[in-house]
Amino acid sequence: MIALIASRIAIMIPNVIILTFLLFAATTSFLGTPAAIMLGEDASPESIAELNAKLGFDEPLLMRYWAWVTDALSGDFGRSYSTQQPVAEMIANALPLTMELALWAILFAFFGAALINSATFLKGFVDRVVAAVSVVGITVPNFFLGLLLIYLFSVQLRLLPTTGWSPWENGAGKHLLHMILPVVTLTTFYFSSFSLVYKAEYKSVENNLFIRAARAKGLSESRISYRHILPNSVLPLVTYAGLSLGQLVGGAVVTETVFSMPGMGRLLVNAISARDFPVMLAVGMVIIVGVMLLNLLADITYSLINPLVRTAG
């Protein structure tokens, strides 16, 4: 297990370096100098050069990247150009909400897909519901689904808050009430895709000899489904969940924007609008490192479930 984790980390480190360098280069060089973008088209070359020198953008790209990444590793992401707040403080305030939203979505999608699709006593009904949800989840964009849910449950039925967020300090009930629509919006797509992956593997395992033997012994279909088929069908779902984590973070960004939630998504959108480069870079780095760590966690989970992978590692 230790060797497996070490090999994954050895692969992860150069990937993080490459991706963060591309992020830094694209944000500070390929899109034009930050000073020119910040000052606008009417700025004189002298004022652009002066601001570049003040912000350190007149140095070579590799030197600027090295200075930025070493400061970031020490927890210093600089100060926001628009608010003058420490960027690390802004990240610390926004990150927990995004992590909570993504965690609820992945848990509901993963366990919902496995448990609901294994319910043999509701087979016909479940198949129809899952098929309908899958069509909606895969074809309807997150932002449109979020707006549709707001219109139905907030505007028309007046059952749930329209937008915004309430911290845990204001009460668990109020907090969870504000989380329902964003979580449903983000979960719908992943539940749909996870269901398709799980059902394909479920049907494959169902035809194995040991399942026929279990039926020959007279075991109930429900016991066979949950005790024998489900554990052997869930492995591809763990792999697919790990591959979907990057997309999940992107979906959380869109969902937070639709529901005006003060998470990483809204922070990134505001930073892009204000041309706030330190915040843009910090959010990008946190997302890259976060996705890498979540994929590492998925690999570890998969190896714990599947002894063959652990032995191979």
Protein backbone atom coordinates (compact mmCIF):
# COMPACT_ATOMS: atom_id res chain seq x y z
CA MET A 1 0.00 0.00 0.00
CA ILE A 2 2.81 2.41 0.91
CA ALA A 3 4.57 1.68 -2.39
CA LEU A 4 1.32 2.31 -4.28
CA ILE A 5 0.77 5.68 -2.57
CA ALA A 6 4.40 6.67 -3.15
CA SER A 7 4.15 5.84 -6.86
CA ARG A 8 0.94 7.87 -7.20
CA ILE A 9 2.51 10.86 -5.44
CA ALA A 10 5.61 10.58 -7.67
CA ILE A 11 3.33 10.85 -10.70
CA MET A 12 1.23 13.61 -9.15
CA ILE A 13 4.07 16.05 -8.35
CA PRO A 14 5.31 16.66 -11.94
CA ASN A 15 1.70 16.89 -13.14
CA VAL A 16 0.99 19.62 -10.58
CA ILE A 17 4.15 21.50 -11.62
CA ILE A 18 3.27 21.33 -15.32
CA LEU A 19 -0.37 22.33 -14.83
CA THR A 20 0.37 25.20 -12.44
CA PHE A 21 3.06 26.50 -14.82
CA LEU A 22 0.61 26.43 -17.73
CA LEU A 23 -1.97 28.18 -15.53
CA PHE A 24 0.53 30.89 -14.55
CA ALA A 25 1.80 31.34 -18.12
CA ALA A 26 -1.71 31.51 -19.61
CA THR A 27 -2.92 33.99 -17.00
CA THR A 28 0.08 36.31 -16.94
CA SER A 29 1.60 36.03 -20.43
CA PHE A 30 -0.39 34.29 -23.14
CA LEU A 31 -3.48 36.46 -22.62
CA GLY A 32 -1.43 39.67 -22.67
CA THR A 33 0.44 41.40 -19.88
CA PRO A 34 -1.69 41.83 -16.75
CA ALA A 35 -0.90 45.55 -16.63
CA ALA A 36 -2.24 46.10 -20.16
CA ILE A 37 -5.40 44.13 -19.36
CA MET A 38 -5.92 45.95 -16.06
CA LEU A 39 -5.37 49.46 -17.47
CA GLY A 40 -7.40 48.90 -20.64
CA GLU A 41 -6.87 49.64 -24.33
CA ASP A 42 -6.40 53.39 -23.87
CA ALA A 43 -3.42 53.06 -21.50
CA SER A 44 -0.10 54.51 -22.64
CA PRO A 45 2.96 52.26 -23.03
CA GLU A 46 4.68 54.19 -20.24
CA SER A 47 1.89 53.55 -17.70
CA ILE A 48 1.76 49.87 -18.71
CA ALA A 49 5.52 49.52 -18.27
CA GLU A 50 5.37 51.33 -14.91
CA LEU A 51 2.60 49.04 -13.57
CA ASN A 52 4.39 45.95 -14.91
CA ALA A 53 7.54 46.97 -13.04
CA LYS A 54 5.56 47.73 -9.87
CA LEU A 55 3.85 44.31 -9.91
CA GLY A 56 6.97 42.42 -11.00
CA PHE A 57 5.63 41.42 -14.41
CA ASP A 58 8.71 42.74 -16.22
CA GLU A 59 10.83 39.80 -15.03
CA PRO A 60 11.28 36.55 -17.04
CA LEU A 61 8.39 34.09 -16.93
CA LEU A 62 10.27 31.31 -15.11
CA MET A 63 11.50 33.68 -12.41
CA ARG A 64 7.99 35.00 -11.88
CA TYR A 65 6.57 31.48 -11.72
CA TRP A 66 9.22 30.36 -9.23
CA ALA A 67 8.57 33.36 -6.98
CA TRP A 68 4.81 32.79 -7.15
CA VAL A 69 4.90 29.06 -6.48
CA THR A 70 7.40 29.32 -3.59
CA ASP A 71 5.24 32.01 -1.95
CA ALA A 72 2.12 29.87 -2.54
CA LEU A 73 3.75 26.83 -0.92
CA SER A 74 4.31 28.94 2.19
CA GLY A 75 0.65 29.97 2.18
CA ASP A 76 1.20 33.45 0.75
CA PHE A 77 -0.91 34.02 -2.37
CA GLY A 78 -0.47 37.78 -2.23
CA ARG A 79 -3.21 40.38 -1.91
CA SER A 80 -6.28 40.89 -4.04
CA TYR A 81 -5.93 43.80 -6.45
CA SER A 82 -9.59 44.74 -6.05
CA THR A 83 -10.21 44.31 -2.29
CA GLN A 84 -6.65 44.37 -0.89
CA GLN A 85 -7.52 41.36 1.26
CA PRO A 86 -5.01 38.52 1.68
CA VAL A 87 -5.91 35.99 -1.03
CA ALA A 88 -5.23 33.07 1.33
CA GLU A 89 -7.92 34.44 3.65
CA MET A 90 -10.40 34.73 0.77
CA ILE A 91 -9.66 31.12 -0.27
CA ALA A 92 -10.05 29.90 3.32
CA ASN A 93 -13.49 31.53 3.52
CA ALA A 94 -14.71 30.18 0.16
CA LEU A 95 -13.20 26.67 0.01
CA PRO A 96 -15.26 24.94 2.76
CA LEU A 97 -18.54 25.71 0.98
CA THR A 98 -17.31 24.31 -2.35
CA MET A 99 -15.94 21.21 -0.61
CA GLU A 100 -19.23 20.64 1.19
CA LEU A 101 -21.26 21.05 -2.00
CA ALA A 102 -19.01 18.65 -3.94
CA LEU A 103 -18.99 16.14 -1.08
CA TRP A 104 -22.80 16.03 -0.81
CA ALA A 105 -23.10 15.64 -4.58
CA ILE A 106 -20.56 12.81 -4.92
CA LEU A 107 -21.98 10.90 -1.94
CA PHE A 108 -25.59 11.13 -3.09
CA ALA A 109 -24.67 10.27 -6.69
CA PHE A 110 -22.41 7.35 -5.78
CA PHE A 111 -24.50 5.63 -3.11
CA GLY A 112 -27.78 6.55 -4.80
CA ALA A 113 -26.70 4.97 -8.09
CA ALA A 114 -25.49 1.79 -6.38
CA LEU A 115 -28.33 1.30 -3.89
CA ILE A 116 -31.29 2.40 -6.00
CA ASN A 117 -30.24 0.43 -9.07
CA SER A 118 -29.83 -2.67 -6.87
CA ALA A 119 -33.42 -2.47 -5.56
CA THR A 120 -34.90 -5.58 -7.19
CA PHE A 121 -38.26 -5.19 -5.43
CA LEU A 122 -38.81 -1.90 -7.30
CA LYS A 123 -37.13 -2.98 -10.51
CA GLY A 124 -39.65 -1.78 -13.09
CA PHE A 125 -40.41 1.50 -11.32
CA VAL A 126 -36.73 2.20 -10.59
CA ASP A 127 -35.73 1.57 -14.21
CA ARG A 128 -38.26 4.10 -15.46
CA VAL A 129 -37.29 6.75 -12.87
CA VAL A 130 -33.55 6.27 -13.43
CA ALA A 131 -34.04 6.45 -17.21
CA ALA A 132 -35.97 9.72 -16.87
CA VAL A 133 -33.44 11.25 -14.46
CA SER A 134 -30.56 10.10 -16.68
CA VAL A 135 -32.03 11.87 -19.71
CA VAL A 136 -32.45 15.09 -17.71
CA GLY A 137 -29.07 14.87 -16.00
CA ILE A 138 -27.01 14.15 -19.10
CA THR A 139 -28.75 16.45 -21.59
CA VAL A 140 -29.69 19.50 -19.49
CA PRO A 141 -26.80 21.87 -18.56
CA ASN A 142 -26.19 22.55 -14.86
CA PHE A 143 -26.99 26.25 -15.06
CA PHE A 144 -30.32 25.65 -16.84
CA LEU A 145 -31.35 22.88 -14.44
CA GLY A 146 -30.50 25.15 -11.50
CA LEU A 147 -32.63 27.98 -12.89
CA LEU A 148 -35.47 25.55 -13.59
CA LEU A 149 -35.39 24.23 -10.01
CA ILE A 150 -35.35 27.80 -8.66
CA TYR A 151 -38.42 28.63 -10.75
CA LEU A 152 -40.33 25.51 -9.69
CA PHE A 153 -39.50 25.18 -5.99
CA SER A 154 -38.71 28.78 -5.03
CA VAL A 155 -40.81 31.02 -7.28
CA GLN A 156 -43.86 28.86 -7.95
CA LEU A 157 -44.14 26.54 -4.92
CA ARG A 158 -42.28 28.83 -2.46
CA LEU A 159 -40.85 25.82 -0.64
CA LEU A 160 -37.13 26.58 -0.76
CA PRO A 161 -34.88 29.67 -0.72
CA THR A 162 -34.16 31.16 -4.13
CA THR A 163 -30.42 31.79 -3.81
CA GLY A 164 -27.81 32.56 -1.19
CA TRP A 165 -26.29 30.59 1.63
CA SER A 166 -26.65 30.29 5.38
CA PRO A 167 -23.66 29.17 7.49
CA TRP A 168 -23.94 26.38 10.05
CA GLU A 169 -23.75 29.00 12.81
CA ASN A 170 -27.23 30.21 11.83
CA GLY A 171 -28.70 26.77 12.42
CA ALA A 172 -28.36 23.38 10.72
CA GLY A 173 -31.94 23.43 9.42
CA LYS A 174 -31.54 26.78 7.67
CA HIS A 175 -28.14 25.78 6.29
CA LEU A 176 -29.39 22.50 4.83
CA LEU A 177 -32.48 24.22 3.41
CA HIS A 178 -30.25 26.51 1.35
CA MET A 179 -28.15 23.53 0.22
CA ILE A 180 -31.01 21.42 -1.20
CA LEU A 181 -31.37 22.98 -4.66
CA PRO A 182 -27.61 23.38 -5.35
CA VAL A 183 -26.95 19.79 -4.24
CA VAL A 184 -29.81 18.41 -6.34
CA THR A 185 -28.58 20.39 -9.34
CA LEU A 186 -25.03 19.10 -9.04
CA THR A 187 -26.04 15.54 -8.11
CA THR A 188 -28.42 14.99 -11.02
CA PHE A 189 -25.75 14.72 -13.71
CA TYR A 190 -23.43 12.50 -11.69
CA PHE A 191 -26.25 10.23 -10.52
CA SER A 192 -27.23 9.77 -14.17
CA SER A 193 -23.73 8.91 -15.40
CA PHE A 194 -22.94 6.75 -12.36
CA SER A 195 -26.21 4.83 -12.90
CA LEU A 196 -25.31 4.04 -16.51
CA VAL A 197 -21.85 2.77 -15.49
CA TYR A 198 -23.21 0.75 -12.56
CA LYS A 199 -26.09 -0.82 -14.50
CA ALA A 200 -23.74 -2.02 -17.25
CA GLU A 201 -21.45 -3.69 -14.70
CA TYR A 202 -24.44 -5.01 -12.72
CA LYS A 203 -25.77 -6.86 -15.77
CA SER A 204 -22.32 -8.27 -16.48
CA VAL A 205 -21.89 -9.62 -12.92
CA GLU A 206 -25.46 -10.93 -12.89
CA ASN A 207 -24.59 -13.47 -15.57
CA ASN A 208 -21.67 -14.98 -13.63
CA LEU A 209 -21.74 -18.57 -12.42
CA PHE A 210 -21.65 -17.72 -8.70
CA ILE A 211 -24.86 -15.69 -9.08
CA ARG A 212 -26.57 -18.65 -10.73
CA ALA A 213 -25.35 -20.84 -7.87
CA ALA A 214 -26.80 -18.38 -5.34
CA ARG A 215 -30.16 -18.50 -7.09
CA ALA A 216 -30.00 -22.29 -7.19
CA LYS A 217 -29.56 -22.28 -3.41
CA GLY A 218 -32.86 -20.41 -3.10
CA LEU A 219 -31.51 -17.03 -1.93
CA SER A 220 -33.89 -14.10 -2.40
CA GLU A 221 -33.28 -11.72 -5.30
CA SER A 222 -32.84 -8.82 -2.88
CA ARG A 223 -30.14 -10.69 -0.91
CA ILE A 224 -28.37 -11.71 -4.13
CA SER A 225 -28.49 -8.15 -5.43
CA TYR A 226 -27.18 -6.39 -2.32
CA ARG A 227 -24.86 -9.08 -0.88
CA HIS A 228 -23.36 -10.57 -4.03
CA ILE A 229 -23.88 -8.42 -7.13
CA LEU A 230 -23.47 -4.93 -5.61
CA PRO A 231 -20.00 -5.48 -4.03
CA ASN A 232 -18.71 -6.93 -7.31
CA SER A 233 -20.28 -4.19 -9.45
CA VAL A 234 -19.19 -1.14 -7.51
CA LEU A 235 -15.47 -1.22 -8.42
CA PRO A 236 -15.84 0.45 -11.86
CA LEU A 237 -18.01 3.07 -10.16
CA VAL A 238 -15.14 3.97 -7.81
CA THR A 239 -12.83 4.38 -10.81
CA TYR A 240 -15.38 6.48 -12.69
CA ALA A 241 -16.00 8.64 -9.62
CA GLY A 242 -12.26 9.36 -9.40
CA LEU A 243 -12.13 10.34 -13.08
CA SER A 244 -15.19 12.59 -12.61
CA LEU A 245 -13.76 14.64 -9.74
CA GLY A 246 -12.29 17.31 -11.99
CA GLN A 247 -15.60 17.71 -13.78
CA LEU A 248 -17.34 17.77 -10.40
CA VAL A 249 -15.27 20.78 -9.31
CA GLY A 250 -16.15 22.56 -12.57
CA GLY A 251 -19.82 21.76 -12.04
CA ALA A 252 -19.63 23.16 -8.51
CA VAL A 253 -18.23 26.44 -9.90
CA VAL A 254 -21.20 26.81 -12.28
CA THR A 255 -23.73 25.78 -9.61
CA GLU A 256 -22.36 28.25 -7.06
CA THR A 257 -22.63 31.04 -9.61
CA VAL A 258 -26.27 30.22 -10.41
CA PHE A 259 -27.26 30.09 -6.74
CA SER A 260 -25.08 33.06 -5.65
CA MET A 261 -23.18 30.99 -3.12
CA PRO A 262 -19.92 32.48 -1.75
CA GLY A 263 -17.73 29.54 -2.73
CA MET A 264 -14.74 29.11 -5.02
CA GLY A 265 -16.90 29.43 -8.13
CA ARG A 266 -18.24 32.84 -7.26
CA LEU A 267 -14.78 33.94 -6.11
CA LEU A 268 -13.33 32.92 -9.48
CA VAL A 269 -16.07 34.63 -11.51
CA ASN A 270 -15.66 37.86 -9.51
CA ALA A 271 -11.87 37.70 -9.94
CA ILE A 272 -12.16 37.29 -13.70
CA SER A 273 -14.60 40.19 -13.91
CA ALA A 274 -12.28 42.42 -11.85
CA ARG A 275 -9.12 41.15 -13.60
CA ASP A 276 -7.82 40.19 -10.17
CA PHE A 277 -4.83 38.03 -11.15
CA PRO A 278 -3.66 36.91 -7.66
CA VAL A 279 -7.13 35.53 -6.90
CA MET A 280 -7.44 33.89 -10.33
CA LEU A 281 -4.09 32.16 -9.91
CA ALA A 282 -4.79 31.07 -6.34
CA VAL A 283 -8.20 29.59 -7.20
CA GLY A 284 -6.70 27.80 -10.20
CA MET A 285 -3.88 26.32 -8.11
CA VAL A 286 -6.25 25.17 -5.36
CA ILE A 287 -8.50 23.48 -7.93
CA ILE A 288 -5.55 21.73 -9.62
CA VAL A 289 -4.06 20.48 -6.36
CA GLY A 290 -7.49 19.58 -5.00
CA VAL A 291 -8.40 17.47 -8.02
CA MET A 292 -5.03 15.69 -7.86
CA LEU A 293 -5.47 14.90 -4.16
CA LEU A 294 -9.03 13.68 -4.69
CA ASN A 295 -7.84 11.39 -7.48
CA LEU A 296 -5.15 10.06 -5.15
CA LEU A 297 -7.85 9.41 -2.54
CA ALA A 298 -9.92 7.57 -5.17
CA ASP A 299 -6.90 5.40 -6.08
CA ILE A 300 -6.32 4.54 -2.41
CA THR A 301 -10.01 3.72 -1.93
CA TYR A 302 -10.00 1.51 -5.01
CA SER A 303 -6.90 -0.36 -3.81
CA LEU A 304 -8.51 -0.95 -0.41
CA ILE A 305 -11.60 -2.41 -2.05
CA ASN A 306 -9.71 -4.43 -4.68
CA PRO A 307 -6.82 -6.53 -3.23
CA LEU A 308 -5.50 -7.28 -6.73
CA VAL A 309 -4.60 -3.62 -7.26
CA ARG A 310 -2.97 -3.45 -3.84
CA THR A 311 -0.88 -6.53 -4.60
CA ALA A 312 0.13 -5.18 -8.01
CA GLY A 313 1.19 -1.87 -6.43
